[in-house]
């Protein structure tokens, strides 16, 4: 099994060192960077499977770095930040992060989140199989189960690993309403006490990619007070 390479980005070298030790004990290969510019350089030079990114850093902050990384890469990104307010979490998720962990953090929780994201990335990241498996169609949307590929009007929709997992869940159960907590548990593979905001941000990003008018969605709909569903047509 190929060893996963994880980029750790934080201007606090002690934090980087501590995270690296924990991940290397789990068998991962780590690369370290101490600001956003170094992170961009590492993304270009190395074959990475996951990034852990601090927010407040010199030269280029973490959120700006994520925006630039997302222009080229869909690998999982976990934001690590001292800012714990919901608005900061939503901002981080909105610009392309897959998860958000607040400082101070439990090292074992971080390792567990890394493992969860890597499982999903490994399972969902390779969609180059040439099989012609079962296809699920609803209106203008078509989802190929084997390839885990979504198209709208025949055009491929480029999804991150997390977005693809949400789409996979909802497309396999057209018309079924999933509470945000259940979506989080199935997609992130862990429980959360603040699932609603995280799921809401990812739902919004998916809508922007598949809906003609994301503010009046035709497919990915909210059932107020219950959850989300992919409309069956």
C-alpha atoms as a PDB file:
ATOM      1  CA  UNK A   1       0.000   0.000   0.000  1.00  0.00           C
ATOM      2  CA  UNK A   2       1.420   3.381  -1.008  1.00  0.00           C
ATOM      3  CA  UNK A   3       2.363   5.656   1.874  1.00  0.00           C
ATOM      4  CA  UNK A   4       0.243   8.805   2.024  1.00  0.00           C
ATOM      5  CA  UNK A   5       2.089  12.134   2.041  1.00  0.00           C
ATOM      6  CA  UNK A   6       0.644  14.914   4.198  1.00  0.00           C
ATOM      7  CA  UNK A   7       1.623  18.583   4.070  1.00  0.00           C
ATOM      8  CA  UNK A   8       1.555  20.367   7.443  1.00  0.00           C
ATOM      9  CA  UNK A   9       1.458  24.173   7.276  1.00  0.00           C
ATOM     10  CA  UNK A  10       1.756  26.375  10.376  1.00  0.00           C
ATOM     11  CA  UNK A  11       4.047  29.259  11.342  1.00  0.00           C
ATOM     12  CA  UNK A  12       4.493  27.666  14.787  1.00  0.00           C
ATOM     13  CA  UNK A  13       7.293  25.168  14.224  1.00  0.00           C
ATOM     14  CA  UNK A  14       6.582  23.339  17.482  1.00  0.00           C
ATOM     15  CA  UNK A  15       3.010  22.647  16.386  1.00  0.00           C
ATOM     16  CA  UNK A  16       4.230  21.420  12.997  1.00  0.00           C
ATOM     17  CA  UNK A  17       6.768  19.159  14.685  1.00  0.00           C
ATOM     18  CA  UNK A  18       4.182  17.711  17.108  1.00  0.00           C
ATOM     19  CA  UNK A  19       1.686  16.989  14.314  1.00  0.00           C
ATOM     20  CA  UNK A  20       4.416  15.437  12.174  1.00  0.00           C
ATOM     21  CA  UNK A  21       5.486  13.103  14.983  1.00  0.00           C
ATOM     22  CA  UNK A  22       1.904  11.910  15.555  1.00  0.00           C
ATOM     23  CA  UNK A  23       1.280  11.301  11.854  1.00  0.00           C
ATOM     24  CA  UNK A  24       4.605   9.604  11.243  1.00  0.00           C
ATOM     25  CA  UNK A  25       3.870   7.243  14.138  1.00  0.00           C
ATOM     26  CA  UNK A  26       0.772   6.235  12.164  1.00  0.00           C
ATOM     27  CA  UNK A  27       2.893   5.473   9.111  1.00  0.00           C
ATOM     28  CA  UNK A  28       2.353   8.669   7.099  1.00  0.00           C
ATOM     29  CA  UNK A  29       5.060  10.661   5.331  1.00  0.00           C
ATOM     30  CA  UNK A  30       5.002  14.359   6.246  1.00  0.00           C
ATOM     31  CA  UNK A  31       6.240  17.551   4.584  1.00  0.00           C
ATOM     32  CA  UNK A  32       6.452  20.795   6.555  1.00  0.00           C
ATOM     33  CA  UNK A  33       5.836  24.405   5.549  1.00  0.00           C
ATOM     34  CA  UNK A  34       5.659  27.545   7.678  1.00  0.00           C
ATOM     35  CA  UNK A  35       3.666  30.008   5.566  1.00  0.00           C
ATOM     36  CA  UNK A  36       1.278  30.056   2.629  1.00  0.00           C
ATOM     37  CA  UNK A  37       3.935  30.642   0.002  1.00  0.00           C
ATOM     38  CA  UNK A  38       5.942  27.643   1.173  1.00  0.00           C
ATOM     39  CA  UNK A  39       2.719  25.622   1.078  1.00  0.00           C
ATOM     40  CA  UNK A  40       2.080  26.545  -2.570  1.00  0.00           C
ATOM     41  CA  UNK A  41       5.645  25.575  -3.424  1.00  0.00           C
ATOM     42  CA  UNK A  42       5.223  22.204  -1.693  1.00  0.00           C
ATOM     43  CA  UNK A  43       1.963  21.534  -3.543  1.00  0.00           C
ATOM     44  CA  UNK A  44       3.753  22.046  -6.855  1.00  0.00           C
ATOM     45  CA  UNK A  45       6.757  19.875  -5.959  1.00  0.00           C
ATOM     46  CA  UNK A  46       5.198  16.915  -4.164  1.00  0.00           C
ATOM     47  CA  UNK A  47       2.501  14.309  -4.731  1.00  0.00           C
ATOM     48  CA  UNK A  48       0.285  15.066  -1.725  1.00  0.00           C
ATOM     49  CA  UNK A  49      -2.770  13.233  -0.438  1.00  0.00           C
ATOM     50  CA  UNK A  50      -3.861  15.707   2.284  1.00  0.00           C
ATOM     51  CA  UNK A  51      -3.039  19.176   3.650  1.00  0.00           C
ATOM     52  CA  UNK A  52      -3.335  20.490   7.214  1.00  0.00           C
ATOM     53  CA  UNK A  53      -3.398  24.290   6.950  1.00  0.00           C
ATOM     54  CA  UNK A  54      -3.177  26.990   9.617  1.00  0.00           C
ATOM     55  CA  UNK A  55      -4.988  30.275   8.916  1.00  0.00           C
ATOM     56  CA  UNK A  56      -2.939  33.115  10.393  1.00  0.00           C
ATOM     57  CA  UNK A  57       0.533  32.997   8.800  1.00  0.00           C
ATOM     58  CA  UNK A  58       3.058  35.488   7.366  1.00  0.00           C
ATOM     59  CA  UNK A  59       3.643  36.172   3.647  1.00  0.00           C
ATOM     60  CA  UNK A  60       0.420  34.424   2.596  1.00  0.00           C
ATOM     61  CA  UNK A  61      -2.377  33.433   4.982  1.00  0.00           C
ATOM     62  CA  UNK A  62      -3.913  29.974   4.943  1.00  0.00           C
ATOM     63  CA  UNK A  63      -7.257  30.896   3.422  1.00  0.00           C
ATOM     64  CA  UNK A  64      -5.611  32.698   0.505  1.00  0.00           C
ATOM     65  CA  UNK A  65      -3.362  29.687  -0.004  1.00  0.00           C
ATOM     66  CA  UNK A  66      -6.372  27.347  -0.053  1.00  0.00           C
ATOM     67  CA  UNK A  67      -8.073  29.441  -2.730  1.00  0.00           C
ATOM     68  CA  UNK A  68      -4.998  29.148  -4.944  1.00  0.00           C
ATOM     69  CA  UNK A  69      -4.552  25.440  -4.224  1.00  0.00           C
ATOM     70  CA  UNK A  70      -8.189  24.729  -5.095  1.00  0.00           C
ATOM     71  CA  UNK A  71      -7.595  26.152  -8.579  1.00  0.00           C
ATOM     72  CA  UNK A  72      -5.481  23.071  -9.320  1.00  0.00           C
ATOM     73  CA  UNK A  73      -6.040  20.402  -6.656  1.00  0.00           C
ATOM     74  CA  UNK A  74      -9.022  18.597  -5.121  1.00  0.00           C
ATOM     75  CA  UNK A  75      -7.158  16.791  -2.337  1.00  0.00           C
ATOM     76  CA  UNK A  76      -8.564  17.043   1.225  1.00  0.00           C
ATOM     77  CA  UNK A  77      -7.660  20.166   3.220  1.00  0.00           C
ATOM     78  CA  UNK A  78      -8.128  20.402   6.991  1.00  0.00           C
ATOM     79  CA  UNK A  79      -8.023  23.940   8.390  1.00  0.00           C
ATOM     80  CA  UNK A  80      -6.319  24.250  11.773  1.00  0.00           C
ATOM     81  CA  UNK A  81      -7.024  27.567  13.455  1.00  0.00           C
ATOM     82  CA  UNK A  82      -7.240  29.396  16.763  1.00  0.00           C
ATOM     83  CA  UNK A  83     -10.401  31.091  15.486  1.00  0.00           C
ATOM     84  CA  UNK A  84     -13.410  29.123  16.690  1.00  0.00           C
ATOM     85  CA  UNK A  85     -16.311  31.400  15.718  1.00  0.00           C
ATOM     86  CA  UNK A  86     -18.871  29.891  13.338  1.00  0.00           C
ATOM     87  CA  UNK A  87     -18.312  32.684  10.795  1.00  0.00           C
ATOM     88  CA  UNK A  88     -14.636  31.728  10.529  1.00  0.00           C
ATOM     89  CA  UNK A  89     -15.519  28.063  10.102  1.00  0.00           C
ATOM     90  CA  UNK A  90     -18.066  28.841   7.393  1.00  0.00           C
ATOM     91  CA  UNK A  91     -15.556  31.073   5.588  1.00  0.00           C
ATOM     92  CA  UNK A  92     -12.916  28.355   5.638  1.00  0.00           C
ATOM     93  CA  UNK A  93     -15.318  25.743   4.318  1.00  0.00           C
ATOM     94  CA  UNK A  94     -16.731  28.137   1.730  1.00  0.00           C
ATOM     95  CA  UNK A  95     -13.389  28.742   0.060  1.00  0.00           C
ATOM     96  CA  UNK A  96     -12.623  25.046  -0.294  1.00  0.00           C
ATOM     97  CA  UNK A  97     -11.569  23.442   3.000  1.00  0.00           C
ATOM     98  CA  UNK A  98     -13.014  20.006   3.768  1.00  0.00           C
ATOM     99  CA  UNK A  99     -12.828  20.199   7.550  1.00  0.00           C
ATOM    100  CA  UNK A 100     -12.032  22.644  10.368  1.00  0.00           C
ATOM    101  CA  UNK A 101     -10.331  21.923  13.700  1.00  0.00           C
ATOM    102  CA  UNK A 102      -9.872  24.567  16.401  1.00  0.00           C
ATOM    103  CA  UNK A 103      -6.768  25.110  18.496  1.00  0.00           C
ATOM    104  CA  UNK A 104      -6.013  23.839  21.057  1.00  0.00           C
ATOM    105  CA  UNK A 105      -6.800  20.453  19.548  1.00  0.00           C
ATOM    106  CA  UNK A 106      -6.683  16.833  20.635  1.00  0.00           C
ATOM    107  CA  UNK A 107      -3.858  15.158  18.660  1.00  0.00           C
ATOM    108  CA  UNK A 108      -5.774  11.876  18.485  1.00  0.00           C
ATOM    109  CA  UNK A 109      -8.827  13.666  17.069  1.00  0.00           C
ATOM    110  CA  UNK A 110      -6.675  15.253  14.377  1.00  0.00           C
ATOM    111  CA  UNK A 111      -5.194  11.864  13.472  1.00  0.00           C
ATOM    112  CA  UNK A 112      -8.697  10.364  13.343  1.00  0.00           C
ATOM    113  CA  UNK A 113      -9.896  13.140  11.020  1.00  0.00           C
ATOM    114  CA  UNK A 114      -6.856  12.643   8.789  1.00  0.00           C
ATOM    115  CA  UNK A 115      -7.561   8.912   8.538  1.00  0.00           C
ATOM    116  CA  UNK A 116     -11.223   9.558   7.733  1.00  0.00           C
ATOM    117  CA  UNK A 117     -10.438  12.027   4.940  1.00  0.00           C
ATOM    118  CA  UNK A 118      -7.746   9.800   3.466  1.00  0.00           C
ATOM    119  CA  UNK A 119     -10.147   6.832   3.396  1.00  0.00           C
ATOM    120  CA  UNK A 120     -12.632   8.909   1.431  1.00  0.00           C
ATOM    121  CA  UNK A 121      -9.985  10.414  -0.822  1.00  0.00           C
ATOM    122  CA  UNK A 122      -8.527   6.988  -1.621  1.00  0.00           C
ATOM    123  CA  UNK A 123     -11.977   5.555  -2.268  1.00  0.00           C
ATOM    124  CA  UNK A 124     -13.341   8.497  -4.248  1.00  0.00           C
ATOM    125  CA  UNK A 125     -10.256  10.128  -5.712  1.00  0.00           C
ATOM    126  CA  UNK A 126      -9.564   7.649  -8.493  1.00  0.00           C
ATOM    127  CA  UNK A 127     -12.429   7.918 -10.989  1.00  0.00           C
ATOM    128  CA  UNK A 128     -10.505   6.811 -14.052  1.00  0.00           C
ATOM    129  CA  UNK A 129     -12.053   3.362 -14.333  1.00  0.00           C
ATOM    130  CA  UNK A 130     -13.450   2.765 -17.835  1.00  0.00           C
ATOM    131  CA  UNK A 131     -16.371   0.584 -16.782  1.00  0.00           C
ATOM    132  CA  UNK A 132     -19.932   1.383 -17.833  1.00  0.00           C
ATOM    133  CA  UNK A 133     -21.706   0.586 -14.582  1.00  0.00           C
ATOM    134  CA  UNK A 134     -25.139   1.610 -13.431  1.00  0.00           C
ATOM    135  CA  UNK A 135     -26.184   5.183 -14.118  1.00  0.00           C
ATOM    136  CA  UNK A 136     -28.660   7.149 -12.005  1.00  0.00           C
ATOM    137  CA  UNK A 137     -30.457   9.948 -13.813  1.00  0.00           C
ATOM    138  CA  UNK A 138     -32.738  12.662 -12.506  1.00  0.00           C
ATOM    139  CA  UNK A 139     -33.649  15.467 -14.890  1.00  0.00           C
ATOM    140  CA  UNK A 140     -30.459  17.085 -16.238  1.00  0.00           C
ATOM    141  CA  UNK A 141     -28.246  15.228 -13.751  1.00  0.00           C
ATOM    142  CA  UNK A 142     -26.593  11.891 -14.477  1.00  0.00           C
ATOM    143  CA  UNK A 143     -24.455   9.979 -11.982  1.00  0.00           C
ATOM    144  CA  UNK A 144     -22.224   7.050 -12.945  1.00  0.00           C
ATOM    145  CA  UNK A 145     -21.896   4.755  -9.926  1.00  0.00           C
ATOM    146  CA  UNK A 146     -18.669   2.969 -10.867  1.00  0.00           C
ATOM    147  CA  UNK A 147     -16.829   6.099 -11.925  1.00  0.00           C
ATOM    148  CA  UNK A 148     -18.549   8.152  -9.186  1.00  0.00           C
ATOM    149  CA  UNK A 149     -18.817  10.894 -11.789  1.00  0.00           C
ATOM    150  CA  UNK A 150     -21.598  13.469 -12.040  1.00  0.00           C
ATOM    151  CA  UNK A 151     -22.607  15.253 -15.228  1.00  0.00           C
ATOM    152  CA  UNK A 152     -25.069  18.075 -15.866  1.00  0.00           C
ATOM    153  CA  UNK A 153     -26.415  18.244 -19.424  1.00  0.00           C
ATOM    154  CA  UNK A 154     -23.575  15.913 -20.390  1.00  0.00           C
ATOM    155  CA  UNK A 155     -20.859  18.152 -18.923  1.00  0.00           C
ATOM    156  CA  UNK A 156     -18.666  16.721 -16.147  1.00  0.00           C
ATOM    157  CA  UNK A 157     -19.012  18.455 -12.775  1.00  0.00           C
ATOM    158  CA  UNK A 158     -15.691  18.857 -10.971  1.00  0.00           C
ATOM    159  CA  UNK A 159     -16.275  18.005  -7.312  1.00  0.00           C
ATOM    160  CA  UNK A 160     -13.953  17.814  -4.336  1.00  0.00           C
ATOM    161  CA  UNK A 161     -13.731  14.461  -2.532  1.00  0.00           C
ATOM    162  CA  UNK A 162     -16.138  15.667   0.169  1.00  0.00           C
ATOM    163  CA  UNK A 163     -18.635  17.082  -2.339  1.00  0.00           C
ATOM    164  CA  UNK A 164     -18.494  13.841  -4.310  1.00  0.00           C
ATOM    165  CA  UNK A 165     -19.275  11.801  -1.206  1.00  0.00           C
ATOM    166  CA  UNK A 166     -22.341  13.950  -0.476  1.00  0.00           C
ATOM    167  CA  UNK A 167     -23.504  13.666  -4.089  1.00  0.00           C
ATOM    168  CA  UNK A 168     -22.944   9.904  -3.998  1.00  0.00           C
ATOM    169  CA  UNK A 169     -25.119   9.574  -0.880  1.00  0.00           C
ATOM    170  CA  UNK A 170     -27.973  11.729  -2.195  1.00  0.00           C
ATOM    171  CA  UNK A 171     -27.952  10.365  -5.768  1.00  0.00           C
ATOM    172  CA  UNK A 172     -28.104   6.774  -4.509  1.00  0.00           C
ATOM    173  CA  UNK A 173     -31.199   7.679  -2.464  1.00  0.00           C
ATOM    174  CA  UNK A 174     -33.168  10.038  -4.725  1.00  0.00           C
ATOM    175  CA  UNK A 175     -36.051  11.679  -2.920  1.00  0.00           C
ATOM    176  CA  UNK A 176     -34.926  10.613   0.559  1.00  0.00           C
ATOM    177  CA  UNK A 177     -34.402  13.401   3.088  1.00  0.00           C
ATOM    178  CA  UNK A 178     -31.185  13.201   5.111  1.00  0.00           C
ATOM    179  CA  UNK A 179     -30.759  15.285   8.291  1.00  0.00           C
ATOM    180  CA  UNK A 180     -27.525  17.292   8.365  1.00  0.00           C
ATOM    181  CA  UNK A 181     -26.272  15.202  11.288  1.00  0.00           C
ATOM    182  CA  UNK A 182     -26.709  11.982   9.308  1.00  0.00           C
ATOM    183  CA  UNK A 183     -24.987  13.426   6.239  1.00  0.00           C
ATOM    184  CA  UNK A 184     -22.062  14.510   8.416  1.00  0.00           C
ATOM    185  CA  UNK A 185     -21.840  11.124  10.126  1.00  0.00           C
ATOM    186  CA  UNK A 186     -21.864   9.238   6.812  1.00  0.00           C
ATOM    187  CA  UNK A 187     -19.563  11.570   4.879  1.00  0.00           C
ATOM    188  CA  UNK A 188     -17.049  12.587   7.560  1.00  0.00           C
ATOM    189  CA  UNK A 189     -17.251   9.196   9.275  1.00  0.00           C
ATOM    190  CA  UNK A 190     -17.534  10.712  12.750  1.00  0.00           C
ATOM    191  CA  UNK A 191     -20.059  12.450  15.002  1.00  0.00           C
ATOM    192  CA  UNK A 192     -20.264  16.208  15.294  1.00  0.00           C
ATOM    193  CA  UNK A 193     -22.050  18.661  17.550  1.00  0.00           C
ATOM    194  CA  UNK A 194     -21.948  21.421  14.927  1.00  0.00           C
ATOM    195  CA  UNK A 195     -22.761  19.542  11.725  1.00  0.00           C
ATOM    196  CA  UNK A 196     -25.366  21.932  10.342  1.00  0.00           C
ATOM    197  CA  UNK A 197     -23.022  24.761   9.277  1.00  0.00           C
ATOM    198  CA  UNK A 198     -20.445  22.390   7.801  1.00  0.00           C
ATOM    199  CA  UNK A 199     -22.995  20.472   5.742  1.00  0.00           C
ATOM    200  CA  UNK A 200     -24.801  23.674   4.715  1.00  0.00           C
ATOM    201  CA  UNK A 201     -21.634  25.179   3.236  1.00  0.00           C
ATOM    202  CA  UNK A 202     -20.864  22.061   1.183  1.00  0.00           C
ATOM    203  CA  UNK A 203     -24.471  21.857  -0.019  1.00  0.00           C
ATOM    204  CA  UNK A 204     -24.218  25.475  -1.169  1.00  0.00           C
ATOM    205  CA  UNK A 205     -21.028  24.748  -3.098  1.00  0.00           C
ATOM    206  CA  UNK A 206     -22.590  21.749  -4.821  1.00  0.00           C
ATOM    207  CA  UNK A 207     -25.640  23.820  -5.782  1.00  0.00           C
ATOM    208  CA  UNK A 208     -23.393  26.418  -7.383  1.00  0.00           C
ATOM    209  CA  UNK A 209     -22.011  23.666  -9.615  1.00  0.00           C
ATOM    210  CA  UNK A 210     -25.226  21.870 -10.603  1.00  0.00           C
ATOM    211  CA  UNK A 211     -28.111  24.343 -10.406  1.00  0.00           C
ATOM    212  CA  UNK A 212     -29.121  26.946 -12.997  1.00  0.00           C
ATOM    213  CA  UNK A 213     -30.156  29.215 -10.116  1.00  0.00           C
ATOM    214  CA  UNK A 214     -28.523  28.074  -6.844  1.00  0.00           C
ATOM    215  CA  UNK A 215     -30.839  30.344  -4.828  1.00  0.00           C
ATOM    216  CA  UNK A 216     -33.857  28.505  -6.229  1.00  0.00           C
ATOM    217  CA  UNK A 217     -32.528  24.937  -6.534  1.00  0.00           C
ATOM    218  CA  UNK A 218     -34.296  22.493  -8.801  1.00  0.00           C
ATOM    219  CA  UNK A 219     -32.455  19.387  -7.596  1.00  0.00           C
ATOM    220  CA  UNK A 220     -30.580  19.735  -4.303  1.00  0.00           C
ATOM    221  CA  UNK A 221     -33.321  20.926  -1.978  1.00  0.00           C
ATOM    222  CA  UNK A 222     -33.706  21.639   1.713  1.00  0.00           C
ATOM    223  CA  UNK A 223     -36.722  20.287   3.572  1.00  0.00           C
ATOM    224  CA  UNK A 224     -37.005  22.846   6.353  1.00  0.00           C
ATOM    225  CA  UNK A 225     -36.600  21.444   9.815  1.00  0.00           C
ATOM    226  CA  UNK A 226     -35.618  18.001   8.501  1.00  0.00           C
ATOM    227  CA  UNK A 227     -32.656  18.018   6.113  1.00  0.00           C
ATOM    228  CA  UNK A 228     -31.586  17.780   2.464  1.00  0.00           C
ATOM    229  CA  UNK A 229     -32.551  15.650  -0.520  1.00  0.00           C
ATOM    230  CA  UNK A 230     -31.811  15.211  -4.206  1.00  0.00           C
ATOM    231  CA  UNK A 231     -35.102  15.616  -6.060  1.00  0.00           C
ATOM    232  CA  UNK A 232     -36.330  12.587  -8.000  1.00  0.00           C
ATOM    233  CA  UNK A 233     -37.666  13.548 -11.455  1.00  0.00           C
END
